PDB file of N, CA and C in Angstrom:
ATOM      1  N   UNK A   1      11.410  32.351 -31.955  1.00  0.00           N
ATOM      2  CA  UNK A   1      11.674  32.951 -30.489  1.00  0.00           C
ATOM      3  C   UNK A   1      10.925  31.095 -29.755  1.00  0.00           C
ATOM      4  N   UNK A   2      11.619  30.727 -28.994  1.00  0.00           N
ATOM      5  CA  UNK A   2      10.735  29.081 -28.560  1.00  0.00           C
ATOM      6  C   UNK A   2      10.458  29.705 -27.159  1.00  0.00           C
ATOM      7  N   UNK A   3       9.500  29.147 -26.667  1.00  0.00           N
ATOM      8  CA  UNK A   3       9.460  29.396 -25.244  1.00  0.00           C
ATOM      9  C   UNK A   3      10.154  28.991 -24.236  1.00  0.00           C
ATOM     10  N   UNK A   4       9.954  30.030 -22.842  1.00  0.00           N
ATOM     11  CA  UNK A   4      10.910  30.141 -22.093  1.00  0.00           C
ATOM     12  C   UNK A   4      10.656  28.464 -21.057  1.00  0.00           C
ATOM     13  N   UNK A   5      11.471  27.621 -20.612  1.00  0.00           N
ATOM     14  CA  UNK A   5      11.605  26.948 -19.928  1.00  0.00           C
ATOM     15  C   UNK A   5      12.644  26.608 -18.399  1.00  0.00           C
ATOM     16  N   UNK A   6      11.785  26.991 -17.585  1.00  0.00           N
ATOM     17  CA  UNK A   6      12.811  27.437 -15.963  1.00  0.00           C
ATOM     18  C   UNK A   6      12.842  25.907 -15.875  1.00  0.00           C
ATOM     19  N   UNK A   7      14.023  25.925 -15.351  1.00  0.00           N
ATOM     20  CA  UNK A   7      14.544  24.689 -14.562  1.00  0.00           C
ATOM     21  C   UNK A   7      14.757  24.694 -13.186  1.00  0.00           C
ATOM     22  N   UNK A   8      14.660  23.500 -12.332  1.00  0.00           N
ATOM     23  CA  UNK A   8      14.980  23.504 -11.024  1.00  0.00           C
ATOM     24  C   UNK A   8      16.254  22.764 -10.541  1.00  0.00           C
ATOM     25  N   UNK A   9      17.108  22.990 -10.041  1.00  0.00           N
ATOM     26  CA  UNK A   9      17.887  22.431  -9.871  1.00  0.00           C
ATOM     27  C   UNK A   9      18.134  22.001  -8.372  1.00  0.00           C
ATOM     28  N   UNK A  10      17.962  21.106  -8.175  1.00  0.00           N
ATOM     29  CA  UNK A  10      17.585  19.996  -6.659  1.00  0.00           C
ATOM     30  C   UNK A  10      19.269  20.060  -6.228  1.00  0.00           C
ATOM     31  N   UNK A  11      19.861  20.679  -4.569  1.00  0.00           N
ATOM     32  CA  UNK A  11      21.010  20.147  -4.352  1.00  0.00           C
ATOM     33  C   UNK A  11      21.213  18.664  -4.169  1.00  0.00           C
ATOM     34  N   UNK A  12      22.331  18.684  -4.017  1.00  0.00           N
ATOM     35  CA  UNK A  12      22.983  16.886  -3.389  1.00  0.00           C
ATOM     36  C   UNK A  12      22.628  16.927  -1.864  1.00  0.00           C
ATOM     37  N   UNK A  13      21.984  15.727  -1.498  1.00  0.00           N
ATOM     38  CA  UNK A  13      21.777  15.799  -0.040  1.00  0.00           C
ATOM     39  C   UNK A  13      22.914  15.006   0.422  1.00  0.00           C
ATOM     40  N   UNK A  14      23.491  14.824   1.400  1.00  0.00           N
ATOM     41  CA  UNK A  14      24.359  14.577   1.945  1.00  0.00           C
ATOM     42  C   UNK A  14      24.026  13.118   2.769  1.00  0.00           C
ATOM     43  N   UNK A  15      23.954  12.022   2.405  1.00  0.00           N
ATOM     44  CA  UNK A  15      23.751  10.560   3.019  1.00  0.00           C
ATOM     45  C   UNK A  15      24.806  10.166   3.990  1.00  0.00           C
ATOM     46  N   UNK A  16      24.236   9.895   5.293  1.00  0.00           N
ATOM     47  CA  UNK A  16      24.954   9.438   6.763  1.00  0.00           C
ATOM     48  C   UNK A  16      24.178   8.409   7.136  1.00  0.00           C
ATOM     49  N   UNK A  17      25.318   7.385   8.438  1.00  0.00           N
ATOM     50  CA  UNK A  17      24.484   6.502   8.939  1.00  0.00           C
ATOM     51  C   UNK A  17      25.911   6.689   9.942  1.00  0.00           C
ATOM     52  N   UNK A  18      25.269   6.256  11.379  1.00  0.00           N
ATOM     53  CA  UNK A  18      26.072   6.133  12.519  1.00  0.00           C
ATOM     54  C   UNK A  18      25.123   4.800  13.336  1.00  0.00           C
ATOM     55  N   UNK A  19      25.924   4.098  13.869  1.00  0.00           N
ATOM     56  CA  UNK A  19      24.981   3.174  14.918  1.00  0.00           C
ATOM     57  C   UNK A  19      25.717   2.598  16.440  1.00  0.00           C
ATOM     58  N   UNK A  20      24.716   2.547  16.854  1.00  0.00           N
ATOM     59  CA  UNK A  20      25.084   2.403  18.487  1.00  0.00           C
ATOM     60  C   UNK A  20      24.568   0.468  18.666  1.00  0.00           C
ATOM     61  N   UNK A  21      24.561   0.501  19.610  1.00  0.00           N
ATOM     62  CA  UNK A  21      24.418  -0.700  20.672  1.00  0.00           C
ATOM     63  C   UNK A  21      24.085  -0.899  21.744  1.00  0.00           C
ATOM     64  N   UNK A  22      23.336  -1.767  22.198  1.00  0.00           N
ATOM     65  CA  UNK A  22      22.234  -1.489  23.414  1.00  0.00           C
ATOM     66  C   UNK A  22      23.395  -1.979  24.951  1.00  0.00           C
ATOM     67  N   UNK A  23      24.473  -2.662  24.542  1.00  0.00           N
ATOM     68  CA  UNK A  23      25.932  -2.976  25.401  1.00  0.00           C
ATOM     69  C   UNK A  23      26.730  -3.137  24.685  1.00  0.00           C
ATOM     70  N   UNK A  24      28.197  -2.776  25.084  1.00  0.00           N
ATOM     71  CA  UNK A  24      29.229  -3.048  25.166  1.00  0.00           C
ATOM     72  C   UNK A  24      30.582  -2.365  25.956  1.00  0.00           C
ATOM     73  N   UNK A  25      31.125  -3.377  26.710  1.00  0.00           N
ATOM     74  CA  UNK A  25      31.370  -4.859  26.504  1.00  0.00           C
ATOM     75  C   UNK A  25      29.812  -5.665  26.950  1.00  0.00           C
ATOM     76  N   UNK A  26      29.740  -6.748  26.378  1.00  0.00           N
ATOM     77  CA  UNK A  26      28.839  -7.672  26.881  1.00  0.00           C
ATOM     78  C   UNK A  26      29.351  -8.734  27.760  1.00  0.00           C
ATOM     79  N   UNK A  27      27.956  -9.567  28.071  1.00  0.00           N
ATOM     80  CA  UNK A  27      28.472 -10.806  28.688  1.00  0.00           C
ATOM     81  C   UNK A  27      28.501 -11.909  27.996  1.00  0.00           C
ATOM     82  N   UNK A  28      29.353 -13.161  27.863  1.00  0.00           N
ATOM     83  CA  UNK A  28      29.223 -14.254  26.689  1.00  0.00           C
ATOM     84  C   UNK A  28      28.046 -14.313  26.404  1.00  0.00           C
ATOM     85  N   UNK A  29      26.919 -14.752  25.322  1.00  0.00           N
ATOM     86  CA  UNK A  29      26.276 -15.315  25.345  1.00  0.00           C
ATOM     87  C   UNK A  29      24.659 -14.257  25.156  1.00  0.00           C
ATOM     88  N   UNK A  30      25.109 -13.033  25.374  1.00  0.00           N
ATOM     89  CA  UNK A  30      24.045 -12.156  25.304  1.00  0.00           C
ATOM     90  C   UNK A  30      23.866 -11.778  23.924  1.00  0.00           C
ATOM     91  N   UNK A  31      22.403 -11.814  23.713  1.00  0.00           N
ATOM     92  CA  UNK A  31      22.358 -11.066  22.365  1.00  0.00           C
ATOM     93  C   UNK A  31      22.284  -9.489  22.338  1.00  0.00           C
ATOM     94  N   UNK A  32      22.645  -8.532  21.417  1.00  0.00           N
ATOM     95  CA  UNK A  32      22.657  -7.276  21.486  1.00  0.00           C
ATOM     96  C   UNK A  32      21.985  -6.794  20.065  1.00  0.00           C
ATOM     97  N   UNK A  33      21.770  -5.525  20.475  1.00  0.00           N
ATOM     98  CA  UNK A  33      20.995  -5.180  19.465  1.00  0.00           C
ATOM     99  C   UNK A  33      21.317  -3.710  18.576  1.00  0.00           C
ATOM    100  N   UNK A  34      22.097  -3.398  17.532  1.00  0.00           N
ATOM    101  CA  UNK A  34      22.491  -2.348  17.018  1.00  0.00           C
ATOM    102  C   UNK A  34      21.495  -1.431  16.097  1.00  0.00           C
ATOM    103  N   UNK A  35      21.369  -0.095  16.068  1.00  0.00           N
ATOM    104  CA  UNK A  35      20.278   0.607  15.571  1.00  0.00           C
ATOM    105  C   UNK A  35      21.183   1.394  14.774  1.00  0.00           C
ATOM    106  N   UNK A  36      20.746   1.812  14.063  1.00  0.00           N
ATOM    107  CA  UNK A  36      21.148   2.880  13.030  1.00  0.00           C
ATOM    108  C   UNK A  36      20.795   4.127  12.660  1.00  0.00           C
ATOM    109  N   UNK A  37      21.221   5.153  12.848  1.00  0.00           N
ATOM    110  CA  UNK A  37      20.630   6.826  12.494  1.00  0.00           C
ATOM    111  C   UNK A  37      21.310   7.612  11.629  1.00  0.00           C
ATOM    112  N   UNK A  38      20.344   7.561  10.692  1.00  0.00           N
ATOM    113  CA  UNK A  38      20.475   7.815   9.030  1.00  0.00           C
ATOM    114  C   UNK A  38      20.021   9.185   8.897  1.00  0.00           C
ATOM    115  N   UNK A  39      21.000  10.072   8.155  1.00  0.00           N
ATOM    116  CA  UNK A  39      20.506  11.406   7.353  1.00  0.00           C
ATOM    117  C   UNK A  39      19.890  11.046   6.238  1.00  0.00           C
ATOM    118  N   UNK A  40      18.882  11.398   5.385  1.00  0.00           N
ATOM    119  CA  UNK A  40      18.765  11.345   4.068  1.00  0.00           C
ATOM    120  C   UNK A  40      18.467  10.155   3.305  1.00  0.00           C
ATOM    121  N   UNK A  41      17.809   9.363   4.263  1.00  0.00           N
ATOM    122  CA  UNK A  41      17.707   8.033   3.487  1.00  0.00           C
ATOM    123  C   UNK A  41      16.829   7.333   2.374  1.00  0.00           C
ATOM    124  N   UNK A  42      16.030   8.372   2.656  1.00  0.00           N
ATOM    125  CA  UNK A  42      14.563   8.047   1.611  1.00  0.00           C
ATOM    126  C   UNK A  42      13.653   7.521   1.897  1.00  0.00           C
ATOM    127  N   UNK A  43      12.640   7.000   0.946  1.00  0.00           N
ATOM    128  CA  UNK A  43      11.205   6.365   1.624  1.00  0.00           C
ATOM    129  C   UNK A  43      11.690   4.910   1.813  1.00  0.00           C
ATOM    130  N   UNK A  44      12.760   4.411   0.707  1.00  0.00           N
ATOM    131  CA  UNK A  44      12.867   3.162   0.362  1.00  0.00           C
ATOM    132  C   UNK A  44      14.693   2.504   0.663  1.00  0.00           C
ATOM    133  N   UNK A  45      15.152   2.978   2.160  1.00  0.00           N
ATOM    134  CA  UNK A  45      16.819   2.815   2.152  1.00  0.00           C
ATOM    135  C   UNK A  45      16.666   1.783   2.345  1.00  0.00           C
ATOM    136  N   UNK A  46      18.489   1.114   1.812  1.00  0.00           N
ATOM    137  CA  UNK A  46      18.696  -0.074   1.691  1.00  0.00           C
ATOM    138  C   UNK A  46      19.754  -0.235   2.771  1.00  0.00           C
ATOM    139  N   UNK A  47      19.723  -1.302   3.750  1.00  0.00           N
ATOM    140  CA  UNK A  47      20.456  -1.324   5.069  1.00  0.00           C
ATOM    141  C   UNK A  47      20.952  -2.613   4.694  1.00  0.00           C
ATOM    142  N   UNK A  48      22.481  -2.769   4.530  1.00  0.00           N
ATOM    143  CA  UNK A  48      22.848  -4.138   4.577  1.00  0.00           C
ATOM    144  C   UNK A  48      24.100  -4.075   6.192  1.00  0.00           C
ATOM    145  N   UNK A  49      23.720  -5.094   6.874  1.00  0.00           N
ATOM    146  CA  UNK A  49      25.184  -5.200   7.817  1.00  0.00           C
ATOM    147  C   UNK A  49      25.887  -5.823   7.891  1.00  0.00           C
ATOM    148  N   UNK A  50      27.253  -5.872   8.541  1.00  0.00           N
ATOM    149  CA  UNK A  50      27.936  -6.433   8.156  1.00  0.00           C
ATOM    150  C   UNK A  50      28.839  -7.216   9.769  1.00  0.00           C
ATOM    151  N   UNK A  51      29.105  -8.115  10.168  1.00  0.00           N
ATOM    152  CA  UNK A  51      29.843  -8.467  11.042  1.00  0.00           C
ATOM    153  C   UNK A  51      31.184  -9.261  10.157  1.00  0.00           C
ATOM    154  N   UNK A  52      32.367  -8.601  10.833  1.00  0.00           N
ATOM    155  CA  UNK A  52      33.501  -9.118  10.173  1.00  0.00           C
ATOM    156  C   UNK A  52      33.891  -9.207   8.838  1.00  0.00           C
ATOM    157  N   UNK A  53      33.129  -7.887   8.088  1.00  0.00           N
ATOM    158  CA  UNK A  53      32.908  -8.010   7.007  1.00  0.00           C
ATOM    159  C   UNK A  53      32.189  -8.855   6.064  1.00  0.00           C
ATOM    160  N   UNK A  54      31.626  -9.486   6.981  1.00  0.00           N
ATOM    161  CA  UNK A  54      30.680 -10.648   6.019  1.00  0.00           C
ATOM    162  C   UNK A  54      29.097 -10.080   6.491  1.00  0.00           C
ATOM    163  N   UNK A  55      28.452  -9.819   5.136  1.00  0.00           N
ATOM    164  CA  UNK A  55      26.655  -9.948   4.840  1.00  0.00           C
ATOM    165  C   UNK A  55      26.247 -10.233   6.155  1.00  0.00           C
ATOM    166  N   UNK A  56      25.096  -9.789   6.851  1.00  0.00           N
ATOM    167  CA  UNK A  56      24.280 -10.902   7.836  1.00  0.00           C
ATOM    168  C   UNK A  56      23.344  -9.654   7.757  1.00  0.00           C
ATOM    169  N   UNK A  57      21.995 -10.459   8.560  1.00  0.00           N
ATOM    170  CA  UNK A  57      20.992  -9.692   8.569  1.00  0.00           C
ATOM    171  C   UNK A  57      19.748  -9.425   7.760  1.00  0.00           C
ATOM    172  N   UNK A  58      18.963  -8.596   7.912  1.00  0.00           N
ATOM    173  CA  UNK A  58      17.961  -8.032   6.910  1.00  0.00           C
ATOM    174  C   UNK A  58      17.886  -7.048   6.481  1.00  0.00           C
ATOM    175  N   UNK A  59      17.136  -6.218   6.015  1.00  0.00           N
ATOM    176  CA  UNK A  59      17.258  -5.105   5.227  1.00  0.00           C
ATOM    177  C   UNK A  59      16.291  -4.292   6.564  1.00  0.00           C
ATOM    178  N   UNK A  60      17.119  -3.901   7.422  1.00  0.00           N
ATOM    179  CA  UNK A  60      15.999  -3.191   8.619  1.00  0.00           C
ATOM    180  C   UNK A  60      17.336  -2.237   8.955  1.00  0.00           C
ATOM    181  N   UNK A  61      16.604  -1.085   9.687  1.00  0.00           N
ATOM    182  CA  UNK A  61      17.697  -0.310  10.465  1.00  0.00           C
ATOM    183  C   UNK A  61      18.253  -0.729  12.372  1.00  0.00           C
ATOM    184  N   UNK A  62      17.697  -2.251  12.375  1.00  0.00           N
ATOM    185  CA  UNK A  62      17.729  -2.714  13.494  1.00  0.00           C
ATOM    186  C   UNK A  62      18.573  -4.074  13.662  1.00  0.00           C
ATOM    187  N   UNK A  63      19.751  -4.311  13.812  1.00  0.00           N
ATOM    188  CA  UNK A  63      20.154  -5.927  13.865  1.00  0.00           C
ATOM    189  C   UNK A  63      20.368  -6.206  14.872  1.00  0.00           C
ATOM    190  N   UNK A  64      20.105  -7.675  15.516  1.00  0.00           N
ATOM    191  CA  UNK A  64      19.843  -8.131  16.892  1.00  0.00           C
ATOM    192  C   UNK A  64      20.701  -9.514  16.795  1.00  0.00           C
ATOM    193  N   UNK A  65      22.166  -9.935  17.581  1.00  0.00           N
ATOM    194  CA  UNK A  65      22.756 -11.370  17.102  1.00  0.00           C
ATOM    195  C   UNK A  65      23.533 -11.194  18.484  1.00  0.00           C
ATOM    196  N   UNK A  66      24.125 -12.378  18.699  1.00  0.00           N
ATOM    197  CA  UNK A  66      24.930 -12.853  19.757  1.00  0.00           C
ATOM    198  C   UNK A  66      26.132 -12.754  19.218  1.00  0.00           C
ATOM    199  N   UNK A  67      26.728 -11.474  19.764  1.00  0.00           N
ATOM    200  CA  UNK A  67      28.490 -11.725  19.610  1.00  0.00           C
ATOM    201  C   UNK A  67      29.600 -12.304  19.814  1.00  0.00           C
ATOM    202  N   UNK A  68      30.741 -12.319  19.465  1.00  0.00           N
ATOM    203  CA  UNK A  68      32.087 -12.421  20.591  1.00  0.00           C
ATOM    204  C   UNK A  68      32.832 -11.436  20.597  1.00  0.00           C
ATOM    205  N   UNK A  69      33.684 -11.475  21.548  1.00  0.00           N
ATOM    206  CA  UNK A  69      34.723 -10.257  21.561  1.00  0.00           C
ATOM    207  C   UNK A  69      35.211 -10.488  20.261  1.00  0.00           C
ATOM    208  N   UNK A  70      35.605  -8.883  20.133  1.00  0.00           N
ATOM    209  CA  UNK A  70      36.324  -8.529  18.725  1.00  0.00           C
ATOM    210  C   UNK A  70      35.702  -8.578  17.530  1.00  0.00           C
ATOM    211  N   UNK A  71      34.421  -8.846  17.725  1.00  0.00           N
ATOM    212  CA  UNK A  71      33.306  -8.785  16.434  1.00  0.00           C
ATOM    213  C   UNK A  71      33.669  -7.390  15.689  1.00  0.00           C
ATOM    214  N   UNK A  72      33.970  -7.390  14.984  1.00  0.00           N
ATOM    215  CA  UNK A  72      33.761  -5.612  14.117  1.00  0.00           C
ATOM    216  C   UNK A  72      32.352  -5.568  13.380  1.00  0.00           C
ATOM    217  N   UNK A  73      30.983  -5.029  13.945  1.00  0.00           N
ATOM    218  CA  UNK A  73      29.946  -4.673  12.879  1.00  0.00           C
ATOM    219  C   UNK A  73      30.204  -3.124  12.745  1.00  0.00           C
ATOM    220  N   UNK A  74      29.264  -2.946  11.184  1.00  0.00           N
ATOM    221  CA  UNK A  74      29.334  -1.758  10.681  1.00  0.00           C
ATOM    222  C   UNK A  74      27.821  -2.168   9.604  1.00  0.00           C
ATOM    223  N   UNK A  75      27.462  -0.850   8.722  1.00  0.00           N
ATOM    224  CA  UNK A  75      26.122  -1.059   8.080  1.00  0.00           C
ATOM    225  C   UNK A  75      26.381  -0.008   6.951  1.00  0.00           C
ATOM    226  N   UNK A  76      26.200  -0.735   6.247  1.00  0.00           N
ATOM    227  CA  UNK A  76      25.891   0.223   4.690  1.00  0.00           C
ATOM    228  C   UNK A  76      25.062   0.477   3.798  1.00  0.00           C
ATOM    229  N   UNK A  77      24.860   2.029   4.418  1.00  0.00           N
ATOM    230  CA  UNK A  77      22.934   2.234   3.661  1.00  0.00           C
ATOM    231  C   UNK A  77      23.385   2.759   2.692  1.00  0.00           C
ATOM    232  N   UNK A  78      22.119   2.461   1.705  1.00  0.00           N
ATOM    233  CA  UNK A  78      22.149   2.730   0.383  1.00  0.00           C
ATOM    234  C   UNK A  78      20.632   3.117   0.464  1.00  0.00           C
ATOM    235  N   UNK A  79      20.645   5.163   0.170  1.00  0.00           N
ATOM    236  CA  UNK A  79      19.586   5.824   0.108  1.00  0.00           C
ATOM    237  C   UNK A  79      19.028   5.661  -0.967  1.00  0.00           C
ATOM    238  N   UNK A  80      17.656   6.158  -0.902  1.00  0.00           N
ATOM    239  CA  UNK A  80      16.757   5.938  -2.036  1.00  0.00           C
ATOM    240  C   UNK A  80      16.402   7.376  -2.645  1.00  0.00           C
ATOM    241  N   UNK A  81      17.085   8.705  -1.871  1.00  0.00           N
ATOM    242  CA  UNK A  81      16.769   9.715  -2.379  1.00  0.00           C
ATOM    243  C   UNK A  81      17.115   9.990  -4.009  1.00  0.00           C
ATOM    244  N   UNK A  82      16.915  11.150  -4.788  1.00  0.00           N
ATOM    245  CA  UNK A  82      17.393  11.130  -6.208  1.00  0.00           C
ATOM    246  C   UNK A  82      18.414  11.899  -6.402  1.00  0.00           C
ATOM    247  N   UNK A  83      18.800  12.612  -5.137  1.00  0.00           N
ATOM    248  CA  UNK A  83      20.191  13.954  -5.652  1.00  0.00           C
ATOM    249  C   UNK A  83      21.050  13.499  -4.169  1.00  0.00           C
ATOM    250  N   UNK A  84      21.763  12.714  -4.276  1.00  0.00           N
ATOM    251  CA  UNK A  84      22.303  12.711  -2.942  1.00  0.00           C
ATOM    252  C   UNK A  84      23.982  12.653  -3.258  1.00  0.00           C
ATOM    253  N   UNK A  85      24.871  12.887  -2.357  1.00  0.00           N
ATOM    254  CA  UNK A  85      26.481  12.815  -2.074  1.00  0.00           C
ATOM    255  C   UNK A  85      26.412  11.513  -1.120  1.00  0.00           C
ATOM    256  N   UNK A  86      27.520  11.158  -1.109  1.00  0.00           N
ATOM    257  CA  UNK A  86      28.045   9.670  -0.473  1.00  0.00           C
ATOM    258  C   UNK A  86      27.010   8.840  -0.533  1.00  0.00           C
ATOM    259  N   UNK A  87      26.655   8.125  -1.373  1.00  0.00           N
ATOM    260  CA  UNK A  87      25.536   7.201  -1.637  1.00  0.00           C
ATOM    261  C   UNK A  87      26.613   5.963  -2.442  1.00  0.00           C
ATOM    262  N   UNK A  88      26.391   4.658  -1.814  1.00  0.00           N
ATOM    263  CA  UNK A  88      26.090   4.519  -0.179  1.00  0.00           C
ATOM    264  C   UNK A  88      27.079   5.158   0.971  1.00  0.00           C
ATOM    265  N   UNK A  89      26.483   5.542   2.006  1.00  0.00           N
ATOM    266  CA  UNK A  89      27.265   5.433   2.838  1.00  0.00           C
ATOM    267  C   UNK A  89      27.322   4.921   3.624  1.00  0.00           C
ATOM    268  N   UNK A  90      29.048   4.496   4.778  1.00  0.00           N
ATOM    269  CA  UNK A  90      28.851   3.136   5.419  1.00  0.00           C
ATOM    270  C   UNK A  90      29.032   3.947   7.074  1.00  0.00           C
ATOM    271  N   UNK A  91      28.691   3.226   8.199  1.00  0.00           N
ATOM    272  CA  UNK A  91      28.580   3.376   9.454  1.00  0.00           C
ATOM    273  C   UNK A  91      30.131   3.111   9.939  1.00  0.00           C
ATOM    274  N   UNK A  92      30.171   3.796  11.119  1.00  0.00           N
ATOM    275  CA  UNK A  92      31.399   3.481  11.710  1.00  0.00           C
ATOM    276  C   UNK A  92      31.163   2.333  12.213  1.00  0.00           C
ATOM    277  N   UNK A  93      32.623   1.914  12.766  1.00  0.00           N
ATOM    278  CA  UNK A  93      32.931   0.101  12.787  1.00  0.00           C
ATOM    279  C   UNK A  93      32.690   0.383  14.696  1.00  0.00           C
ATOM    280  N   UNK A  94      32.093  -0.681  15.028  1.00  0.00           N
ATOM    281  CA  UNK A  94      31.432  -0.932  16.169  1.00  0.00           C
ATOM    282  C   UNK A  94      32.855  -2.013  17.161  1.00  0.00           C
ATOM    283  N   UNK A  95      33.621  -2.387  17.651  1.00  0.00           N
ATOM    284  CA  UNK A  95      34.394  -3.625  17.833  1.00  0.00           C
ATOM    285  C   UNK A  95      33.704  -3.849  19.061  1.00  0.00           C
ATOM    286  N   UNK A  96      32.904  -5.132  19.456  1.00  0.00           N
ATOM    287  CA  UNK A  96      32.352  -6.110  20.258  1.00  0.00           C
ATOM    288  C   UNK A  96      33.645  -6.109  21.691  1.00  0.00           C
ATOM    289  N   UNK A  97      33.600  -5.749  22.834  1.00  0.00           N
ATOM    290  CA  UNK A  97      34.315  -6.866  24.085  1.00  0.00           C
ATOM    291  C   UNK A  97      33.603  -7.118  24.894  1.00  0.00           C
ATOM    292  N   UNK A  98      34.296  -8.352  25.067  1.00  0.00           N
ATOM    293  CA  UNK A  98      33.198  -9.349  26.065  1.00  0.00           C
ATOM    294  C   UNK A  98      34.077  -9.798  27.629  1.00  0.00           C
ATOM    295  N   UNK A  99      32.599  -9.888  28.139  1.00  0.00           N
ATOM    296  CA  UNK A  99      32.958 -10.690  29.657  1.00  0.00           C
ATOM    297  C   UNK A  99      32.603 -12.184  29.674  1.00  0.00           C
ATOM    298  N   UNK A 100      33.703 -13.082  30.118  1.00  0.00           N
ATOM    299  CA  UNK A 100      33.205 -14.228  30.163  1.00  0.00           C
ATOM    300  C   UNK A 100      32.549 -14.358  31.550  1.00  0.00           C
ATOM    301  N   UNK A 101      31.511 -15.494  31.236  1.00  0.00           N
ATOM    302  CA  UNK A 101      30.343 -15.710  31.902  1.00  0.00           C
ATOM    303  C   UNK A 101      31.064 -16.353  33.522  1.00  0.00           C
TER     304      UNK A 101
END
Protein backbone atom coordinates (compact mmCIF):
# COMPACT_ATOMS: atom_id res chain seq x y z
CA UNK A 1 0.00 0.00 0.00
CA UNK A 2 1.35 3.45 -0.91
CA UNK A 3 1.15 6.70 0.98
CA UNK A 4 -1.94 8.89 0.70
CA UNK A 5 -1.69 12.06 -1.39
CA UNK A 6 -4.08 14.90 -0.71
CA UNK A 7 -4.66 17.07 -3.76
CA UNK A 8 -5.96 20.61 -3.84
CA UNK A 9 -7.92 21.65 -6.90
CA UNK A 10 -8.06 25.39 -7.38
CA UNK A 11 -11.13 26.89 -9.05
CA UNK A 12 -10.72 28.74 -12.34
CA UNK A 13 -10.83 32.48 -11.78
CA UNK A 14 -12.83 34.47 -14.37
CA UNK A 15 -10.71 37.20 -15.95
CA UNK A 16 -12.50 40.38 -17.00
CA UNK A 17 -11.74 43.94 -18.06
CA UNK A 18 -13.74 47.09 -18.66
CA UNK A 19 -12.49 50.52 -19.68
CA UNK A 20 -13.62 54.09 -19.17
CA UNK A 21 -12.41 57.44 -20.43
CA UNK A 22 -12.04 60.87 -18.90
CA UNK A 23 -14.23 62.47 -21.59
CA UNK A 24 -16.51 61.48 -24.45
CA UNK A 25 -17.44 63.46 -26.50
CA UNK A 26 -14.20 65.38 -26.77
CA UNK A 27 -13.07 68.67 -28.27
CA UNK A 28 -10.83 68.35 -31.30
CA UNK A 29 -7.17 68.15 -30.22
CA UNK A 30 -7.86 67.27 -26.56
CA UNK A 31 -6.05 64.32 -25.01
CA UNK A 32 -8.08 61.71 -23.15
CA UNK A 33 -7.03 59.02 -20.71
CA UNK A 34 -8.51 55.55 -20.75
CA UNK A 35 -8.39 53.45 -17.59
CA UNK A 36 -8.77 49.67 -17.35
CA UNK A 37 -10.69 48.08 -14.47
CA UNK A 38 -9.92 44.38 -14.06
CA UNK A 39 -10.84 41.24 -12.19
CA UNK A 40 -8.30 38.48 -11.50
CA UNK A 41 -5.43 40.15 -13.38
CA UNK A 42 -2.68 38.51 -11.30
CA UNK A 43 0.58 40.06 -10.14
CA UNK A 44 2.06 40.56 -13.64
CA UNK A 45 -0.82 41.30 -16.04
CA UNK A 46 -0.23 42.28 -19.65
CA UNK A 47 -2.28 45.11 -21.16
CA UNK A 48 -2.51 45.69 -24.91
CA UNK A 49 -4.48 48.74 -26.02
CA UNK A 50 -5.97 49.05 -29.50
CA UNK A 51 -7.19 52.03 -31.52
CA UNK A 52 -9.15 51.03 -34.62
CA UNK A 53 -7.79 47.47 -34.25
CA UNK A 54 -4.15 48.69 -34.29
CA UNK A 55 -2.00 47.90 -31.23
CA UNK A 56 -0.94 51.07 -29.37
CA UNK A 57 0.37 52.18 -26.00
CA UNK A 58 2.51 50.42 -23.46
CA UNK A 59 1.85 47.59 -21.04
CA UNK A 60 -0.10 49.79 -18.60
CA UNK A 61 -3.58 49.94 -17.11
CA UNK A 62 -3.99 53.47 -18.54
CA UNK A 63 -3.59 54.86 -22.04
CA UNK A 64 -3.57 58.55 -23.05
CA UNK A 65 -3.75 59.93 -26.58
CA UNK A 66 -5.44 62.54 -28.78
CA UNK A 67 -8.33 60.76 -30.50
CA UNK A 68 -10.23 61.56 -33.65
CA UNK A 69 -14.01 61.35 -33.83
CA UNK A 70 -15.01 57.79 -34.62
CA UNK A 71 -11.90 56.16 -33.14
CA UNK A 72 -12.67 52.81 -31.53
CA UNK A 73 -10.64 51.97 -28.43
CA UNK A 74 -10.44 48.70 -26.50
CA UNK A 75 -7.97 46.79 -24.34
CA UNK A 76 -6.87 43.16 -24.17
CA UNK A 77 -5.87 41.84 -20.73
CA UNK A 78 -3.75 38.73 -20.28
CA UNK A 79 -3.82 37.63 -16.66
CA UNK A 80 -0.83 36.09 -14.92
CA UNK A 81 -3.04 34.00 -12.60
CA UNK A 82 -2.48 30.26 -12.94
CA UNK A 83 -6.04 28.96 -13.06
CA UNK A 84 -8.20 31.24 -15.21
CA UNK A 85 -11.24 31.29 -17.43
CA UNK A 86 -11.69 33.77 -20.28
CA UNK A 87 -7.97 34.55 -20.51
CA UNK A 88 -7.09 36.74 -22.32
CA UNK A 89 -10.11 38.99 -21.82
CA UNK A 90 -11.20 41.83 -24.12
CA UNK A 91 -12.85 45.01 -22.86
CA UNK A 92 -15.86 46.70 -24.31
CA UNK A 93 -15.14 49.07 -27.22
CA UNK A 94 -15.45 52.82 -26.69
CA UNK A 95 -16.26 54.82 -29.82
CA UNK A 96 -15.06 58.39 -29.53
CA UNK A 97 -17.25 61.27 -30.62
CA UNK A 98 -15.94 64.76 -31.08
CA UNK A 99 -16.82 68.39 -31.38
CA UNK A 100 -14.93 70.69 -33.75
CA UNK A 101 -13.05 73.66 -32.33
